[in-house]
Amino acid sequence: MNTIKHIHEVIFLIENNNEQWTPEELVEAIGDTWGTDVQFGSCSGTTFPKENALEFLLNRQKVVLSEEGKVALHSSMKICNGHEDFVG
């Protein structure tokens, strides 16, 4: 059975390790942290595998890639409300 976490957990992971990882290293760090079969849920109810977490966050302007190709939080990133009841 897959572990399901809220996508905000990835934001917190990035925040704690800002500009440390390339996209590939981020996927590896996610797997090391929550397991290789982890999936993520969003506030809208969408669920997706760890390999799609970065694309999801880039599309919603929560993270950016630095000039060095490292994952960083977007300077104006805000976490939405309402995920407190998410069970994962």
N, C-alpha and C. Protein backbone atom coordinates (compact mmCIF):
# COMPACT_ATOMS: atom_id res chain seq x y z
N MET A 1 0.84 -1.19 0.00
CA MET A 1 0.00 0.00 0.00
C MET A 1 0.88 1.24 0.00
N ASN A 2 0.53 2.20 -0.81
CA ASN A 2 1.28 3.44 -0.91
C ASN A 2 1.02 4.35 0.28
N THR A 3 2.05 5.06 0.68
CA THR A 3 1.93 6.10 1.69
C THR A 3 1.47 7.36 0.98
N ILE A 4 0.49 8.06 1.55
CA ILE A 4 0.02 9.31 0.96
C ILE A 4 0.29 10.43 1.96
N LYS A 5 1.02 11.43 1.50
CA LYS A 5 1.34 12.62 2.29
C LYS A 5 0.75 13.83 1.57
N HIS A 6 0.60 14.92 2.30
CA HIS A 6 0.15 16.16 1.67
C HIS A 6 1.34 16.80 0.97
N ILE A 7 1.12 17.41 -0.18
CA ILE A 7 2.19 18.03 -0.96
C ILE A 7 2.92 19.10 -0.16
N HIS A 8 2.28 19.67 0.83
CA HIS A 8 2.95 20.67 1.66
C HIS A 8 4.15 20.08 2.39
N GLU A 9 4.15 18.77 2.62
CA GLU A 9 5.30 18.12 3.25
C GLU A 9 6.55 18.29 2.38
N VAL A 10 6.37 18.26 1.07
CA VAL A 10 7.51 18.46 0.16
C VAL A 10 7.99 19.91 0.26
N ILE A 11 7.06 20.84 0.38
CA ILE A 11 7.45 22.25 0.55
C ILE A 11 8.29 22.40 1.81
N PHE A 12 7.87 21.77 2.90
CA PHE A 12 8.62 21.86 4.16
C PHE A 12 10.00 21.21 4.01
N LEU A 13 10.08 20.10 3.29
CA LEU A 13 11.35 19.43 3.04
C LEU A 13 12.29 20.36 2.26
N ILE A 14 11.76 21.00 1.23
CA ILE A 14 12.56 21.94 0.43
C ILE A 14 12.98 23.12 1.29
N GLU A 15 12.07 23.64 2.09
CA GLU A 15 12.37 24.79 2.94
C GLU A 15 13.54 24.47 3.88
N ASN A 16 13.55 23.28 4.43
CA ASN A 16 14.61 22.88 5.35
C ASN A 16 15.94 22.61 4.66
N ASN A 17 15.93 22.44 3.35
CA ASN A 17 17.14 22.12 2.58
C ASN A 17 17.25 23.01 1.35
N ASN A 18 16.83 24.25 1.47
CA ASN A 18 16.69 25.17 0.33
C ASN A 18 17.95 25.23 -0.53
N GLU A 19 17.73 25.06 -1.83
CA GLU A 19 18.76 25.13 -2.87
C GLU A 19 19.87 24.10 -2.68
N GLN A 20 19.53 22.98 -2.07
CA GLN A 20 20.50 21.91 -1.89
C GLN A 20 20.44 20.89 -3.03
N TRP A 21 19.22 20.67 -3.58
CA TRP A 21 19.02 19.57 -4.50
C TRP A 21 18.70 20.00 -5.92
N THR A 22 19.17 19.20 -6.87
CA THR A 22 18.68 19.28 -8.24
C THR A 22 17.32 18.58 -8.26
N PRO A 23 16.56 18.71 -9.33
CA PRO A 23 15.27 17.99 -9.39
C PRO A 23 15.41 16.49 -9.14
N GLU A 24 16.42 15.87 -9.72
CA GLU A 24 16.62 14.43 -9.54
C GLU A 24 16.94 14.10 -8.09
N GLU A 25 17.76 14.93 -7.46
CA GLU A 25 18.12 14.72 -6.06
C GLU A 25 16.92 14.92 -5.14
N LEU A 26 16.02 15.84 -5.51
CA LEU A 26 14.81 16.04 -4.72
C LEU A 26 13.95 14.79 -4.73
N VAL A 27 13.75 14.19 -5.90
CA VAL A 27 12.95 12.96 -5.98
C VAL A 27 13.58 11.87 -5.12
N GLU A 28 14.91 11.79 -5.15
CA GLU A 28 15.61 10.80 -4.32
C GLU A 28 15.41 11.10 -2.83
N ALA A 29 15.51 12.38 -2.45
CA ALA A 29 15.32 12.77 -1.04
C ALA A 29 13.90 12.48 -0.58
N ILE A 30 12.92 12.70 -1.45
CA ILE A 30 11.52 12.38 -1.11
C ILE A 30 11.38 10.89 -0.83
N GLY A 31 11.96 10.07 -1.71
CA GLY A 31 11.91 8.62 -1.52
C GLY A 31 12.62 8.18 -0.25
N ASP A 32 13.77 8.81 0.04
CA ASP A 32 14.51 8.49 1.26
C ASP A 32 13.72 8.88 2.51
N THR A 33 12.96 9.96 2.41
CA THR A 33 12.22 10.47 3.57
C THR A 33 10.94 9.68 3.83
N TRP A 34 10.17 9.40 2.78
CA TRP A 34 8.85 8.78 2.97
C TRP A 34 8.67 7.43 2.30
N GLY A 35 9.67 6.95 1.60
CA GLY A 35 9.57 5.65 0.93
C GLY A 35 9.39 5.82 -0.57
N THR A 36 9.83 4.82 -1.30
CA THR A 36 9.83 4.91 -2.76
C THR A 36 8.44 4.90 -3.37
N ASP A 37 7.45 4.40 -2.63
CA ASP A 37 6.09 4.33 -3.17
C ASP A 37 5.20 5.46 -2.69
N VAL A 38 5.77 6.49 -2.05
CA VAL A 38 4.97 7.59 -1.52
C VAL A 38 4.23 8.32 -2.64
N GLN A 39 3.03 8.76 -2.34
CA GLN A 39 2.25 9.60 -3.24
C GLN A 39 1.84 10.83 -2.46
N PHE A 40 1.48 11.87 -3.19
CA PHE A 40 1.13 13.13 -2.56
C PHE A 40 -0.26 13.56 -2.97
N GLY A 41 -0.96 14.15 -2.02
CA GLY A 41 -2.28 14.70 -2.26
C GLY A 41 -2.21 16.21 -2.17
N SER A 42 -3.03 16.87 -2.96
CA SER A 42 -3.10 18.33 -2.94
C SER A 42 -4.39 18.76 -2.26
N CYS A 43 -4.49 20.06 -2.03
CA CYS A 43 -5.71 20.61 -1.40
C CYS A 43 -6.93 20.38 -2.28
N SER A 44 -6.73 20.26 -3.59
CA SER A 44 -7.85 20.03 -4.50
C SER A 44 -8.24 18.56 -4.58
N GLY A 45 -7.51 17.69 -3.89
CA GLY A 45 -7.85 16.28 -3.89
C GLY A 45 -7.10 15.45 -4.90
N THR A 46 -6.26 16.06 -5.70
CA THR A 46 -5.46 15.34 -6.68
C THR A 46 -4.38 14.54 -5.97
N THR A 47 -4.16 13.29 -6.40
CA THR A 47 -3.08 12.46 -5.85
C THR A 47 -2.15 12.08 -6.99
N PHE A 48 -0.83 12.11 -6.70
CA PHE A 48 0.16 11.82 -7.73
C PHE A 48 1.44 11.27 -7.10
N PRO A 49 2.27 10.57 -7.90
CA PRO A 49 3.50 9.98 -7.38
C PRO A 49 4.58 11.04 -7.13
N LYS A 50 5.60 10.65 -6.39
CA LYS A 50 6.69 11.57 -6.03
C LYS A 50 7.37 12.17 -7.25
N GLU A 51 7.40 11.44 -8.34
CA GLU A 51 8.04 11.94 -9.56
C GLU A 51 7.33 13.17 -10.13
N ASN A 52 6.08 13.39 -9.76
CA ASN A 52 5.32 14.54 -10.26
C ASN A 52 5.24 15.69 -9.26
N ALA A 53 5.82 15.53 -8.08
CA ALA A 53 5.72 16.55 -7.03
C ALA A 53 6.36 17.87 -7.47
N LEU A 54 7.55 17.81 -8.03
CA LEU A 54 8.24 19.05 -8.43
C LEU A 54 7.46 19.77 -9.52
N GLU A 55 6.99 19.06 -10.53
CA GLU A 55 6.21 19.68 -11.60
C GLU A 55 4.96 20.36 -11.03
N PHE A 56 4.30 19.68 -10.10
CA PHE A 56 3.12 20.25 -9.45
C PHE A 56 3.47 21.57 -8.77
N LEU A 57 4.55 21.58 -8.00
CA LEU A 57 4.96 22.78 -7.27
C LEU A 57 5.46 23.88 -8.19
N LEU A 58 6.15 23.52 -9.26
CA LEU A 58 6.59 24.52 -10.25
C LEU A 58 5.39 25.18 -10.93
N ASN A 59 4.43 24.37 -11.32
CA ASN A 59 3.24 24.89 -12.01
C ASN A 59 2.42 25.83 -11.13
N ARG A 60 2.47 25.63 -9.84
CA ARG A 60 1.72 26.49 -8.91
C ARG A 60 2.58 27.58 -8.30
N GLN A 61 3.77 27.74 -8.83
CA GLN A 61 4.72 28.78 -8.42
C GLN A 61 5.02 28.73 -6.93
N LYS A 62 5.13 27.53 -6.41
CA LYS A 62 5.55 27.34 -5.01
C LYS A 62 7.07 27.22 -4.93
N VAL A 63 7.68 26.71 -6.00
CA VAL A 63 9.13 26.57 -6.07
C VAL A 63 9.62 27.05 -7.43
N VAL A 64 10.92 27.29 -7.51
CA VAL A 64 11.59 27.67 -8.76
C VAL A 64 12.89 26.88 -8.85
N LEU A 65 13.49 26.91 -10.02
CA LEU A 65 14.84 26.36 -10.18
C LEU A 65 15.80 27.54 -10.24
N SER A 66 16.85 27.48 -9.43
CA SER A 66 17.84 28.54 -9.40
C SER A 66 18.68 28.49 -10.67
N GLU A 67 19.51 29.49 -10.86
CA GLU A 67 20.41 29.51 -12.02
C GLU A 67 21.34 28.30 -12.03
N GLU A 68 21.61 27.76 -10.85
CA GLU A 68 22.47 26.59 -10.73
C GLU A 68 21.71 25.28 -10.91
N GLY A 69 20.38 25.38 -11.17
CA GLY A 69 19.57 24.19 -11.38
C GLY A 69 19.12 23.53 -10.09
N LYS A 70 19.15 24.26 -8.99
CA LYS A 70 18.73 23.72 -7.69
C LYS A 70 17.30 24.16 -7.38
N VAL A 71 16.59 23.33 -6.63
CA VAL A 71 15.21 23.61 -6.26
C VAL A 71 15.20 24.58 -5.09
N ALA A 72 14.41 25.67 -5.23
CA ALA A 72 14.30 26.68 -4.17
C ALA A 72 12.84 27.11 -4.05
N LEU A 73 12.47 27.56 -2.87
CA LEU A 73 11.13 28.11 -2.69
C LEU A 73 10.99 29.39 -3.49
N HIS A 74 9.82 29.59 -4.08
CA HIS A 74 9.52 30.83 -4.78
C HIS A 74 9.49 31.95 -3.75
N SER A 75 10.01 33.11 -4.10
CA SER A 75 10.12 34.21 -3.13
C SER A 75 8.77 34.67 -2.60
N SER A 76 7.70 34.48 -3.36
CA SER A 76 6.37 34.90 -2.90
C SER A 76 5.48 33.70 -2.56
N MET A 77 6.08 32.54 -2.33
CA MET A 77 5.33 31.32 -2.07
C MET A 77 4.49 31.44 -0.81
N LYS A 78 3.23 31.02 -0.92
CA LYS A 78 2.33 30.95 0.22
C LYS A 78 1.67 29.59 0.21
N ILE A 79 1.51 29.02 1.38
CA ILE A 79 0.81 27.75 1.51
C ILE A 79 -0.66 28.06 1.71
N CYS A 80 -1.51 27.37 0.97
CA CYS A 80 -2.94 27.60 1.12
C CYS A 80 -3.44 27.02 2.43
N ASN A 81 -4.59 27.42 2.85
CA ASN A 81 -5.20 26.94 4.09
C ASN A 81 -6.16 25.79 3.77
N GLY A 82 -6.57 25.09 4.80
CA GLY A 82 -7.61 24.10 4.62
C GLY A 82 -7.11 22.68 4.51
N HIS A 83 -5.80 22.44 4.66
CA HIS A 83 -5.31 21.08 4.54
C HIS A 83 -5.13 20.42 5.91
N GLU A 84 -5.51 21.09 6.97
CA GLU A 84 -5.28 20.57 8.30
C GLU A 84 -5.97 19.24 8.53
N ASP A 85 -7.06 18.98 7.85
CA ASP A 85 -7.79 17.73 8.03
C ASP A 85 -7.32 16.64 7.08
N PHE A 86 -6.29 16.91 6.29
CA PHE A 86 -5.79 15.92 5.36
C PHE A 86 -5.20 14.76 6.15
N VAL A 87 -5.58 13.57 5.80
CA VAL A 87 -5.07 12.38 6.46
C VAL A 87 -4.14 11.68 5.49
N GLY A 88 -2.94 11.49 5.89
CA GLY A 88 -1.98 10.83 5.01
C GLY A 88 -0.88 10.21 5.77
